[in-house]
PDB file of all heavy atoms in Angstrom:
ATOM      1  N   PRO A   1     -21.589  47.607  -0.241  1.00  0.00           N
ATOM      2  CA  PRO A   1     -22.355  47.445  -1.526  1.00  0.00           C
ATOM      3  C   PRO A   1     -21.867  46.413  -2.493  1.00  0.00           C
ATOM      4  O   PRO A   1     -20.707  45.991  -2.503  1.00  0.00           O
ATOM      5  CB  PRO A   1     -22.386  48.856  -2.022  1.00  0.00           C
ATOM      6  CG  PRO A   1     -21.010  49.378  -1.663  1.00  0.00           C
ATOM      7  CD  PRO A   1     -20.741  48.817  -0.309  1.00  0.00           C
ATOM      8  N   PRO A   2     -22.697  45.943  -3.391  1.00  0.00           N
ATOM      9  CA  PRO A   2     -22.284  44.907  -4.318  1.00  0.00           C
ATOM     10  C   PRO A   2     -21.565  45.751  -5.407  1.00  0.00           C
ATOM     11  O   PRO A   2     -21.723  46.849  -5.617  1.00  0.00           O
ATOM     12  CB  PRO A   2     -23.562  44.207  -4.700  1.00  0.00           C
ATOM     13  CG  PRO A   2     -24.567  45.366  -4.612  1.00  0.00           C
ATOM     14  CD  PRO A   2     -24.132  46.049  -3.436  1.00  0.00           C
ATOM     15  N   PRO A   3     -20.750  44.987  -6.348  1.00  0.00           N
ATOM     16  CA  PRO A   3     -20.285  45.532  -7.468  1.00  0.00           C
ATOM     17  C   PRO A   3     -21.357  45.824  -8.479  1.00  0.00           C
ATOM     18  O   PRO A   3     -22.341  45.314  -8.449  1.00  0.00           O
ATOM     19  CB  PRO A   3     -19.223  44.586  -7.921  1.00  0.00           C
ATOM     20  CG  PRO A   3     -19.780  43.377  -7.483  1.00  0.00           C
ATOM     21  CD  PRO A   3     -20.426  43.573  -6.214  1.00  0.00           C
ATOM     22  N   GLY A   4     -21.078  46.691  -9.557  1.00  0.00           N
ATOM     23  CA  GLY A   4     -22.018  46.929 -10.446  1.00  0.00           C
ATOM     24  C   GLY A   4     -22.151  48.440 -10.747  1.00  0.00           C
ATOM     25  O   GLY A   4     -21.567  49.249 -10.125  1.00  0.00           O
ATOM     26  N   LEU A   5     -22.960  48.669 -11.752  1.00  0.00           N
ATOM     27  CA  LEU A   5     -23.199  50.092 -12.157  1.00  0.00           C
ATOM     28  C   LEU A   5     -24.541  50.533 -11.793  1.00  0.00           C
ATOM     29  O   LEU A   5     -25.591  49.778 -12.182  1.00  0.00           O
ATOM     30  CB  LEU A   5     -22.986  50.355 -13.676  1.00  0.00           C
ATOM     31  CG  LEU A   5     -21.514  49.941 -14.281  1.00  0.00           C
ATOM     32  CD1 LEU A   5     -21.389  50.194 -15.695  1.00  0.00           C
ATOM     33  CD2 LEU A   5     -20.413  50.724 -13.357  1.00  0.00           C
ATOM     34  N   PHE A   6     -24.775  51.671 -11.077  1.00  0.00           N
ATOM     35  CA  PHE A   6     -26.036  52.037 -10.574  1.00  0.00           C
ATOM     36  C   PHE A   6     -26.392  53.488 -10.972  1.00  0.00           C
ATOM     37  O   PHE A   6     -25.644  54.335 -11.247  1.00  0.00           O
ATOM     38  CB  PHE A   6     -26.003  51.934  -8.987  1.00  0.00           C
ATOM     39  CG  PHE A   6     -25.915  50.611  -8.533  1.00  0.00           C
ATOM     40  CD1 PHE A   6     -24.544  49.898  -8.297  1.00  0.00           C
ATOM     41  CD2 PHE A   6     -26.975  49.810  -8.067  1.00  0.00           C
ATOM     42  CE1 PHE A   6     -24.433  48.605  -7.908  1.00  0.00           C
ATOM     43  CE2 PHE A   6     -26.940  48.518  -7.592  1.00  0.00           C
ATOM     44  CZ  PHE A   6     -25.663  47.943  -7.481  1.00  0.00           C
ATOM     45  N   ILE A   7     -27.679  53.721 -10.834  1.00  0.00           N
ATOM     46  CA  ILE A   7     -28.323  55.133 -11.282  1.00  0.00           C
ATOM     47  C   ILE A   7     -28.761  55.878  -9.998  1.00  0.00           C
ATOM     48  O   ILE A   7     -29.083  57.055 -10.012  1.00  0.00           O
ATOM     49  CB  ILE A   7     -29.243  55.140 -12.402  1.00  0.00           C
ATOM     50  CG1 ILE A   7     -30.489  54.243 -12.056  1.00  0.00           C
ATOM     51  CG2 ILE A   7     -28.471  54.701 -13.623  1.00  0.00           C
ATOM     52  CD1 ILE A   7     -31.563  54.300 -13.119  1.00  0.00           C
ATOM     53  N   GLN A   8     -29.150  55.051  -9.006  1.00  0.00           N
ATOM     54  CA  GLN A   8     -29.634  55.598  -7.707  1.00  0.00           C
ATOM     55  C   GLN A   8     -29.325  54.600  -6.532  1.00  0.00           C
ATOM     56  O   GLN A   8     -29.255  53.415  -6.685  1.00  0.00           O
ATOM     57  CB  GLN A   8     -31.130  55.823  -7.804  1.00  0.00           C
ATOM     58  CG  GLN A   8     -31.688  56.629  -6.565  1.00  0.00           C
ATOM     59  CD  GLN A   8     -33.177  56.534  -6.383  1.00  0.00           C
ATOM     60  OE1 GLN A   8     -33.906  55.948  -7.285  1.00  0.00           O
ATOM     61  NE2 GLN A   8     -33.702  57.077  -5.343  1.00  0.00           N
ATOM     62  N   VAL A   9     -29.087  55.203  -5.377  1.00  0.00           N
ATOM     63  CA  VAL A   9     -28.814  54.420  -4.117  1.00  0.00           C
ATOM     64  C   VAL A   9     -29.681  55.020  -2.948  1.00  0.00           C
ATOM     65  O   VAL A   9     -29.993  56.181  -2.936  1.00  0.00           O
ATOM     66  CB  VAL A   9     -27.331  54.432  -3.745  1.00  0.00           C
ATOM     67  CG1 VAL A   9     -26.948  55.789  -3.427  1.00  0.00           C
ATOM     68  CG2 VAL A   9     -27.031  53.336  -2.604  1.00  0.00           C
ATOM     69  N   GLY A  10     -30.082  54.243  -2.139  1.00  0.00           N
ATOM     70  CA  GLY A  10     -30.912  54.512  -0.986  1.00  0.00           C
ATOM     71  C   GLY A  10     -30.382  53.862   0.397  1.00  0.00           C
ATOM     72  O   GLY A  10     -30.219  52.635   0.246  1.00  0.00           O
ATOM     73  N   ALA A  11     -30.095  54.567   1.423  1.00  0.00           N
ATOM     74  CA  ALA A  11     -29.561  54.082   2.617  1.00  0.00           C
ATOM     75  C   ALA A  11     -30.733  54.191   3.660  1.00  0.00           C
ATOM     76  O   ALA A  11     -31.326  55.225   3.808  1.00  0.00           O
ATOM     77  CB  ALA A  11     -28.348  54.906   3.200  1.00  0.00           C
ATOM     78  N   GLY A  12     -31.047  53.093   4.300  1.00  0.00           N
ATOM     79  CA  GLY A  12     -32.123  52.990   5.275  1.00  0.00           C
ATOM     80  C   GLY A  12     -31.619  52.973   6.751  1.00  0.00           C
ATOM     81  O   GLY A  12     -30.655  53.717   7.016  1.00  0.00           O
ATOM     82  N   ILE A  13     -32.211  51.980   7.483  1.00  0.00           N
ATOM     83  CA  ILE A  13     -31.744  52.007   8.894  1.00  0.00           C
ATOM     84  C   ILE A  13     -30.451  50.916   8.861  1.00  0.00           C
ATOM     85  O   ILE A  13     -29.362  51.422   9.325  1.00  0.00           O
ATOM     86  CB  ILE A  13     -32.865  51.225   9.829  1.00  0.00           C
ATOM     87  CG1 ILE A  13     -33.965  52.330   9.707  1.00  0.00           C
ATOM     88  CG2 ILE A  13     -32.373  51.147  11.244  1.00  0.00           C
ATOM     89  CD1 ILE A  13     -33.747  53.557  10.514  1.00  0.00           C
ATOM     90  N   GLN A  14     -30.604  49.736   8.653  1.00  0.00           N
ATOM     91  CA  GLN A  14     -29.508  48.807   8.571  1.00  0.00           C
ATOM     92  C   GLN A  14     -29.489  47.981   7.233  1.00  0.00           C
ATOM     93  O   GLN A  14     -28.990  46.821   7.189  1.00  0.00           O
ATOM     94  CB  GLN A  14     -29.712  47.758   9.837  1.00  0.00           C
ATOM     95  CG  GLN A  14     -29.391  48.445  11.108  1.00  0.00           C
ATOM     96  CD  GLN A  14     -29.725  47.558  12.340  1.00  0.00           C
ATOM     97  OE1 GLN A  14     -30.804  46.980  12.307  1.00  0.00           O
ATOM     98  NE2 GLN A  14     -28.770  47.482  13.260  1.00  0.00           N
ATOM     99  N   HIS A  15     -30.071  48.538   6.249  1.00  0.00           N
ATOM    100  CA  HIS A  15     -29.951  48.095   4.957  1.00  0.00           C
ATOM    101  C   HIS A  15     -29.885  49.174   3.888  1.00  0.00           C
ATOM    102  O   HIS A  15     -30.232  50.260   4.241  1.00  0.00           O
ATOM    103  CB  HIS A  15     -31.147  47.120   4.664  1.00  0.00           C
ATOM    104  CG  HIS A  15     -32.354  47.741   4.283  1.00  0.00           C
ATOM    105  ND1 HIS A  15     -33.183  48.564   5.160  1.00  0.00           N
ATOM    106  CD2 HIS A  15     -33.121  47.782   3.128  1.00  0.00           C
ATOM    107  CE1 HIS A  15     -34.261  48.996   4.459  1.00  0.00           C
ATOM    108  NE2 HIS A  15     -34.126  48.588   3.165  1.00  0.00           N
ATOM    109  N   SER A  16     -29.456  48.990   2.695  1.00  0.00           N
ATOM    110  CA  SER A  16     -29.330  49.726   1.708  1.00  0.00           C
ATOM    111  C   SER A  16     -29.859  49.101   0.365  1.00  0.00           C
ATOM    112  O   SER A  16     -29.758  47.839   0.237  1.00  0.00           O
ATOM    113  CB  SER A  16     -27.954  50.341   1.431  1.00  0.00           C
ATOM    114  OG  SER A  16     -27.376  50.707   2.688  1.00  0.00           O
ATOM    115  N   CYS A  17     -30.234  49.896  -0.659  1.00  0.00           N
ATOM    116  CA  CYS A  17     -30.611  49.224  -1.916  1.00  0.00           C
ATOM    117  C   CYS A  17     -30.132  50.177  -3.085  1.00  0.00           C
ATOM    118  O   CYS A  17     -30.029  51.510  -2.885  1.00  0.00           O
ATOM    119  CB  CYS A  17     -32.178  49.216  -1.989  1.00  0.00           C
ATOM    120  SG  CYS A  17     -32.963  48.074  -0.910  1.00  0.00           S
ATOM    121  N   GLY A  18     -29.837  49.660  -4.049  1.00  0.00           N
ATOM    122  CA  GLY A  18     -29.422  50.425  -5.341  1.00  0.00           C
ATOM    123  C   GLY A  18     -30.225  49.982  -6.506  1.00  0.00           C
ATOM    124  O   GLY A  18     -30.620  48.936  -6.754  1.00  0.00           O
ATOM    125  N   LEU A  19     -30.534  51.014  -7.303  1.00  0.00           N
ATOM    126  CA  LEU A  19     -31.068  50.831  -8.730  1.00  0.00           C
ATOM    127  C   LEU A  19     -30.102  50.709  -9.767  1.00  0.00           C
ATOM    128  O   LEU A  19     -29.356  51.660  -9.969  1.00  0.00           O
ATOM    129  CB  LEU A  19     -32.102  51.920  -9.143  1.00  0.00           C
ATOM    130  CG  LEU A  19     -32.878  51.956 -10.277  1.00  0.00           C
ATOM    131  CD1 LEU A  19     -33.770  50.674 -10.313  1.00  0.00           C
ATOM    132  CD2 LEU A  19     -33.767  53.226 -10.572  1.00  0.00           C
ATOM    133  N   LYS A  20     -29.976  49.568 -10.393  1.00  0.00           N
ATOM    134  CA  LYS A  20     -28.937  49.331 -11.321  1.00  0.00           C
ATOM    135  C   LYS A  20     -29.320  49.997 -12.714  1.00  0.00           C
ATOM    136  O   LYS A  20     -30.370  50.372 -12.974  1.00  0.00           O
ATOM    137  CB  LYS A  20     -28.757  47.788 -11.491  1.00  0.00           C
ATOM    138  CG  LYS A  20     -28.536  47.049 -10.117  1.00  0.00           C
ATOM    139  CD  LYS A  20     -28.273  45.601 -10.345  1.00  0.00           C
ATOM    140  CE  LYS A  20     -26.896  45.259 -10.884  1.00  0.00           C
ATOM    141  NZ  LYS A  20     -26.620  43.739 -10.886  1.00  0.00           N
ATOM    142  N   MET A  21     -28.336  50.092 -13.546  1.00  0.00           N
ATOM    143  CA  MET A  21     -28.462  50.550 -14.905  1.00  0.00           C
ATOM    144  C   MET A  21     -29.498  50.036 -15.821  1.00  0.00           C
ATOM    145  O   MET A  21     -30.120  50.518 -16.576  1.00  0.00           O
ATOM    146  CB  MET A  21     -27.091  50.614 -15.588  1.00  0.00           C
ATOM    147  CG  MET A  21     -25.957  51.455 -14.923  1.00  0.00           C
ATOM    148  SD  MET A  21     -26.105  53.188 -15.182  1.00  0.00           S
ATOM    149  CE  MET A  21     -25.779  53.455 -16.876  1.00  0.00           C
ATOM    150  N   ASN A  22     -29.650  48.569 -15.449  1.00  0.00           N
ATOM    151  CA  ASN A  22     -30.623  47.831 -16.203  1.00  0.00           C
ATOM    152  C   ASN A  22     -31.983  47.935 -15.669  1.00  0.00           C
ATOM    153  O   ASN A  22     -32.882  47.271 -16.189  1.00  0.00           O
ATOM    154  CB  ASN A  22     -30.201  46.441 -16.440  1.00  0.00           C
ATOM    155  CG  ASN A  22     -30.115  45.730 -15.093  1.00  0.00           C
ATOM    156  OD1 ASN A  22     -30.407  46.180 -14.080  1.00  0.00           O
ATOM    157  ND2 ASN A  22     -29.648  44.443 -15.182  1.00  0.00           N
ATOM    158  N   GLY A  23     -32.227  48.629 -14.600  1.00  0.00           N
ATOM    159  CA  GLY A  23     -33.648  48.744 -13.997  1.00  0.00           C
ATOM    160  C   GLY A  23     -33.810  47.824 -12.879  1.00  0.00           C
ATOM    161  O   GLY A  23     -34.876  48.033 -12.177  1.00  0.00           O
ATOM    162  N   GLU A  24     -32.985  47.000 -12.646  1.00  0.00           N
ATOM    163  CA  GLU A  24     -33.072  46.061 -11.514  1.00  0.00           C
ATOM    164  C   GLU A  24     -32.583  46.649 -10.100  1.00  0.00           C
ATOM    165  O   GLU A  24     -31.951  47.543 -10.242  1.00  0.00           O
ATOM    166  CB  GLU A  24     -32.372  44.664 -11.784  1.00  0.00           C
ATOM    167  CG  GLU A  24     -32.854  43.920 -12.927  1.00  0.00           C
ATOM    168  CD  GLU A  24     -32.041  42.678 -13.286  1.00  0.00           C
ATOM    169  OE1 GLU A  24     -30.916  42.508 -12.572  1.00  0.00           O
ATOM    170  OE2 GLU A  24     -32.459  41.831 -14.052  1.00  0.00           O
ATOM    171  N   ILE A  25     -33.222  46.063  -9.064  1.00  0.00           N
ATOM    172  CA  ILE A  25     -32.789  46.497  -7.769  1.00  0.00           C
ATOM    173  C   ILE A  25     -32.104  45.503  -6.987  1.00  0.00           C
ATOM    174  O   ILE A  25     -32.411  44.377  -7.089  1.00  0.00           O
ATOM    175  CB  ILE A  25     -34.114  46.942  -6.961  1.00  0.00           C
ATOM    176  CG1 ILE A  25     -34.716  48.097  -7.641  1.00  0.00           C
ATOM    177  CG2 ILE A  25     -33.718  47.252  -5.496  1.00  0.00           C
ATOM    178  CD1 ILE A  25     -36.070  48.482  -7.014  1.00  0.00           C
ATOM    179  N   GLU A  26     -30.961  45.951  -6.346  1.00  0.00           N
ATOM    180  CA  GLU A  26     -30.171  44.998  -5.509  1.00  0.00           C
ATOM    181  C   GLU A  26     -30.032  45.730  -4.170  1.00  0.00           C
ATOM    182  O   GLU A  26     -29.798  46.881  -3.992  1.00  0.00           O
ATOM    183  CB  GLU A  26     -28.870  44.750  -6.087  1.00  0.00           C
ATOM    184  CG  GLU A  26     -28.064  43.672  -5.438  1.00  0.00           C
ATOM    185  CD  GLU A  26     -26.880  43.235  -6.285  1.00  0.00           C
ATOM    186  OE1 GLU A  26     -26.748  43.644  -7.357  1.00  0.00           O
ATOM    187  OE2 GLU A  26     -26.129  42.405  -5.761  1.00  0.00           O
ATOM    188  N   CYS A  27     -30.266  44.884  -3.091  1.00  0.00           N
ATOM    189  CA  CYS A  27     -30.238  45.354  -1.651  1.00  0.00           C
ATOM    190  C   CYS A  27     -29.091  44.637  -0.937  1.00  0.00           C
ATOM    191  O   CYS A  27     -28.878  43.482  -1.351  1.00  0.00           O
ATOM    192  CB  CYS A  27     -31.534  45.320  -0.941  1.00  0.00           C
ATOM    193  SG  CYS A  27     -32.847  46.247  -1.859  1.00  0.00           S
ATOM    194  N   TRP A  28     -28.673  45.149   0.172  1.00  0.00           N
ATOM    195  CA  TRP A  28     -27.700  44.557   1.070  1.00  0.00           C
ATOM    196  C   TRP A  28     -27.812  45.035   2.493  1.00  0.00           C
ATOM    197  O   TRP A  28     -28.393  45.987   2.791  1.00  0.00           O
ATOM    198  CB  TRP A  28     -26.164  44.847   0.555  1.00  0.00           C
ATOM    199  CG  TRP A  28     -25.956  46.186   0.462  1.00  0.00           C
ATOM    200  CD1 TRP A  28     -25.185  47.077   1.254  1.00  0.00           C
ATOM    201  CD2 TRP A  28     -26.277  47.207  -0.704  1.00  0.00           C
ATOM    202  NE1 TRP A  28     -25.130  48.343   0.783  1.00  0.00           N
ATOM    203  CE2 TRP A  28     -25.788  48.462  -0.386  1.00  0.00           C
ATOM    204  CE3 TRP A  28     -26.887  46.880  -1.937  1.00  0.00           C
ATOM    205  CZ2 TRP A  28     -25.849  49.481  -1.344  1.00  0.00           C
ATOM    206  CZ3 TRP A  28     -27.067  48.067  -2.865  1.00  0.00           C
ATOM    207  CH2 TRP A  28     -26.504  49.332  -2.433  1.00  0.00           C
ATOM    208  N   GLY A  29     -27.402  44.149   3.330  1.00  0.00           N
ATOM    209  CA  GLY A  29     -27.560  44.527   4.814  1.00  0.00           C
ATOM    210  C   GLY A  29     -28.569  43.642   5.528  1.00  0.00           C
ATOM    211  O   GLY A  29     -28.777  42.586   5.040  1.00  0.00           O
ATOM    212  N   SER A  30     -29.201  44.140   6.623  1.00  0.00           N
ATOM    213  CA  SER A  30     -30.126  43.363   7.356  1.00  0.00           C
ATOM    214  C   SER A  30     -31.392  43.029   6.350  1.00  0.00           C
ATOM    215  O   SER A  30     -31.930  43.747   5.723  1.00  0.00           O
ATOM    216  CB  SER A  30     -30.579  44.167   8.507  1.00  0.00           C
ATOM    217  OG  SER A  30     -31.598  43.441   9.179  1.00  0.00           O
ATOM    218  N   ASP A  31     -31.854  41.783   6.653  1.00  0.00           N
ATOM    219  CA  ASP A  31     -32.809  41.226   5.807  1.00  0.00           C
ATOM    220  C   ASP A  31     -33.909  40.575   6.860  1.00  0.00           C
ATOM    221  O   ASP A  31     -34.656  39.736   6.520  1.00  0.00           O
ATOM    222  CB  ASP A  31     -32.464  40.066   4.878  1.00  0.00           C
ATOM    223  CG  ASP A  31     -33.506  39.905   3.663  1.00  0.00           C
ATOM    224  OD1 ASP A  31     -34.264  40.825   3.414  1.00  0.00           O
ATOM    225  OD2 ASP A  31     -33.696  38.872   3.249  1.00  0.00           O
ATOM    226  N   ALA A  32     -33.919  41.227   8.125  1.00  0.00           N
ATOM    227  CA  ALA A  32     -34.755  40.527   9.091  1.00  0.00           C
ATOM    228  C   ALA A  32     -36.315  40.560   8.794  1.00  0.00           C
ATOM    229  O   ALA A  32     -37.068  39.817   9.224  1.00  0.00           O
ATOM    230  CB  ALA A  32     -34.510  41.385  10.489  1.00  0.00           C
ATOM    231  N   ASP A  33     -36.630  41.669   8.056  1.00  0.00           N
ATOM    232  CA  ASP A  33     -38.065  41.816   7.517  1.00  0.00           C
ATOM    233  C   ASP A  33     -38.269  41.542   6.137  1.00  0.00           C
ATOM    234  O   ASP A  33     -39.245  42.063   5.487  1.00  0.00           O
ATOM    235  CB  ASP A  33     -38.721  43.116   8.091  1.00  0.00           C
ATOM    236  CG  ASP A  33     -38.643  43.249   9.593  1.00  0.00           C
ATOM    237  OD1 ASP A  33     -39.515  42.569  10.183  1.00  0.00           O
ATOM    238  OD2 ASP A  33     -38.004  44.090  10.188  1.00  0.00           O
ATOM    239  N   GLY A  34     -37.236  41.076   5.389  1.00  0.00           N
ATOM    240  CA  GLY A  34     -37.336  40.917   4.083  1.00  0.00           C
ATOM    241  C   GLY A  34     -36.940  42.266   3.281  1.00  0.00           C
ATOM    242  O   GLY A  34     -37.124  42.317   1.921  1.00  0.00           O
ATOM    243  N   GLN A  35     -36.427  43.169   3.954  1.00  0.00           N
ATOM    244  CA  GLN A  35     -36.129  44.439   3.304  1.00  0.00           C
ATOM    245  C   GLN A  35     -34.925  44.392   2.347  1.00  0.00           C
ATOM    246  O   GLN A  35     -34.848  45.367   1.583  1.00  0.00           O
ATOM    247  CB  GLN A  35     -35.908  45.619   4.458  1.00  0.00           C
ATOM    248  CG  GLN A  35     -34.663  45.426   5.252  1.00  0.00           C
ATOM    249  CD  GLN A  35     -34.948  44.679   6.489  1.00  0.00           C
ATOM    250  OE1 GLN A  35     -35.591  43.546   6.526  1.00  0.00           O
ATOM    251  NE2 GLN A  35     -34.302  45.172   7.541  1.00  0.00           N
ATOM    252  N   ALA A  36     -34.206  43.421   2.502  1.00  0.00           N
ATOM    253  CA  ALA A  36     -33.040  43.276   1.489  1.00  0.00           C
ATOM    254  C   ALA A  36     -33.299  42.286   0.495  1.00  0.00           C
ATOM    255  O   ALA A  36     -32.406  41.764  -0.333  1.00  0.00           O
ATOM    256  CB  ALA A  36     -31.740  42.940   2.314  1.00  0.00           C
ATOM    257  N   THR A  37     -34.660  41.964   0.243  1.00  0.00           N
ATOM    258  CA  THR A  37     -34.943  40.982  -0.767  1.00  0.00           C
ATOM    259  C   THR A  37     -35.940  41.685  -1.659  1.00  0.00           C
ATOM    260  O   THR A  37     -37.236  41.591  -1.492  1.00  0.00           O
ATOM    261  CB  THR A  37     -35.560  39.690  -0.131  1.00  0.00           C
ATOM    262  OG1 THR A  37     -34.725  39.178   0.774  1.00  0.00           O
ATOM    263  CG2 THR A  37     -35.864  38.737  -1.302  1.00  0.00           C
ATOM    264  N   PRO A  38     -35.594  42.389  -2.697  1.00  0.00           N
ATOM    265  CA  PRO A  38     -36.427  43.312  -3.450  1.00  0.00           C
ATOM    266  C   PRO A  38     -37.066  42.371  -4.547  1.00  0.00           C
ATOM    267  O   PRO A  38     -36.643  41.344  -4.843  1.00  0.00           O
ATOM    268  CB  PRO A  38     -35.566  44.224  -4.163  1.00  0.00           C
ATOM    269  CG  PRO A  38     -34.142  43.583  -4.285  1.00  0.00           C
ATOM    270  CD  PRO A  38     -34.136  42.742  -3.003  1.00  0.00           C
ATOM    271  N   PRO A  39     -38.179  42.960  -5.017  1.00  0.00           N
ATOM    272  CA  PRO A  39     -38.880  42.174  -6.029  1.00  0.00           C
ATOM    273  C   PRO A  39     -38.077  42.229  -7.432  1.00  0.00           C
ATOM    274  O   PRO A  39     -37.273  43.048  -7.594  1.00  0.00           O
ATOM    275  CB  PRO A  39     -40.178  42.782  -6.206  1.00  0.00           C
ATOM    276  CG  PRO A  39     -40.032  44.215  -5.746  1.00  0.00           C
ATOM    277  CD  PRO A  39     -38.900  44.244  -4.736  1.00  0.00           C
ATOM    278  N   THR A  40     -38.416  41.315  -8.307  1.00  0.00           N
ATOM    279  CA  THR A  40     -37.733  41.339  -9.607  1.00  0.00           C
ATOM    280  C   THR A  40     -38.539  42.260 -10.503  1.00  0.00           C
ATOM    281  O   THR A  40     -39.693  42.736 -10.230  1.00  0.00           O
ATOM    282  CB  THR A  40     -37.724  40.005 -10.286  1.00  0.00           C
ATOM    283  OG1 THR A  40     -39.112  39.403 -10.354  1.00  0.00           O
ATOM    284  CG2 THR A  40     -36.878  39.043  -9.378  1.00  0.00           C
ATOM    285  N   GLY A  41     -37.956  42.644 -11.694  1.00  0.00           N
ATOM    286  CA  GLY A  41     -38.595  43.570 -12.540  1.00  0.00           C
ATOM    287  C   GLY A  41     -37.707  44.824 -12.882  1.00  0.00           C
ATOM    288  O   GLY A  41     -36.526  44.886 -12.497  1.00  0.00           O
ATOM    289  N   SER A  42     -38.307  45.611 -13.623  1.00  0.00           N
ATOM    290  CA  SER A  42     -37.593  46.849 -13.996  1.00  0.00           C
ATOM    291  C   SER A  42     -38.301  48.016 -13.371  1.00  0.00           C
ATOM    292  O   SER A  42     -39.475  48.250 -13.419  1.00  0.00           O
ATOM    293  CB  SER A  42     -37.663  46.996 -15.650  1.00  0.00           C
ATOM    294  OG  SER A  42     -37.053  48.209 -16.107  1.00  0.00           O
ATOM    295  N   PHE A  43     -37.378  48.931 -12.790  1.00  0.00           N
ATOM    296  CA  PHE A  43     -37.785  49.976 -11.935  1.00  0.00           C
ATOM    297  C   PHE A  43     -37.189  51.224 -12.430  1.00  0.00           C
ATOM    298  O   PHE A  43     -36.106  51.301 -13.155  1.00  0.00           O
ATOM    299  CB  PHE A  43     -37.553  49.759 -10.527  1.00  0.00           C
ATOM    300  CG  PHE A  43     -38.320  48.529  -9.939  1.00  0.00           C
ATOM    301  CD1 PHE A  43     -37.803  47.258 -10.063  1.00  0.00           C
ATOM    302  CD2 PHE A  43     -39.504  48.778  -9.281  1.00  0.00           C
ATOM    303  CE1 PHE A  43     -38.444  46.249  -9.588  1.00  0.00           C
ATOM    304  CE2 PHE A  43     -40.223  47.730  -8.667  1.00  0.00           C
ATOM    305  CZ  PHE A  43     -39.595  46.411  -8.880  1.00  0.00           C
ATOM    306  N   THR A  44     -37.723  52.436 -12.151  1.00  0.00           N
ATOM    307  CA  THR A  44     -37.217  53.692 -12.499  1.00  0.00           C
ATOM    308  C   THR A  44     -36.776  54.581 -11.317  1.00  0.00           C
ATOM    309  O   THR A  44     -35.918  55.618 -11.543  1.00  0.00           O
ATOM    310  CB  THR A  44     -38.294  54.473 -13.447  1.00  0.00           C
ATOM    311  OG1 THR A  44     -39.439  54.715 -12.377  1.00  0.00           O
ATOM    312  CG2 THR A  44     -38.766  53.839 -14.594  1.00  0.00           C
ATOM    313  N   GLN A  45     -37.253  54.313 -10.107  1.00  0.00           N
ATOM    314  CA  GLN A  45     -36.901  55.103  -8.801  1.00  0.00           C
ATOM    315  C   GLN A  45     -37.171  54.251  -7.569  1.00  0.00           C
ATOM    316  O   GLN A  45     -38.082  53.345  -7.620  1.00  0.00           O
ATOM    317  CB  GLN A  45     -37.659  56.463  -8.993  1.00  0.00           C
ATOM    318  CG  GLN A  45     -37.310  57.411  -7.862  1.00  0.00           C
ATOM    319  CD  GLN A  45     -38.293  57.358  -6.720  1.00  0.00           C
ATOM    320  OE1 GLN A  45     -39.374  57.060  -6.771  1.00  0.00           O
ATOM    321  NE2 GLN A  45     -37.763  57.750  -5.536  1.00  0.00           N
TER     322      GLN A  45
END
């Protein structure tokens, strides 16, 4: 995972994503289908 402060994390098949304290999403791992490239914006879950 990347550094930073998060309020939620999700583990998938070969990628994971986290919801940061500022509402942004950051993902890591396989990006074969664009699953590790989240949209920009503010999210709650």
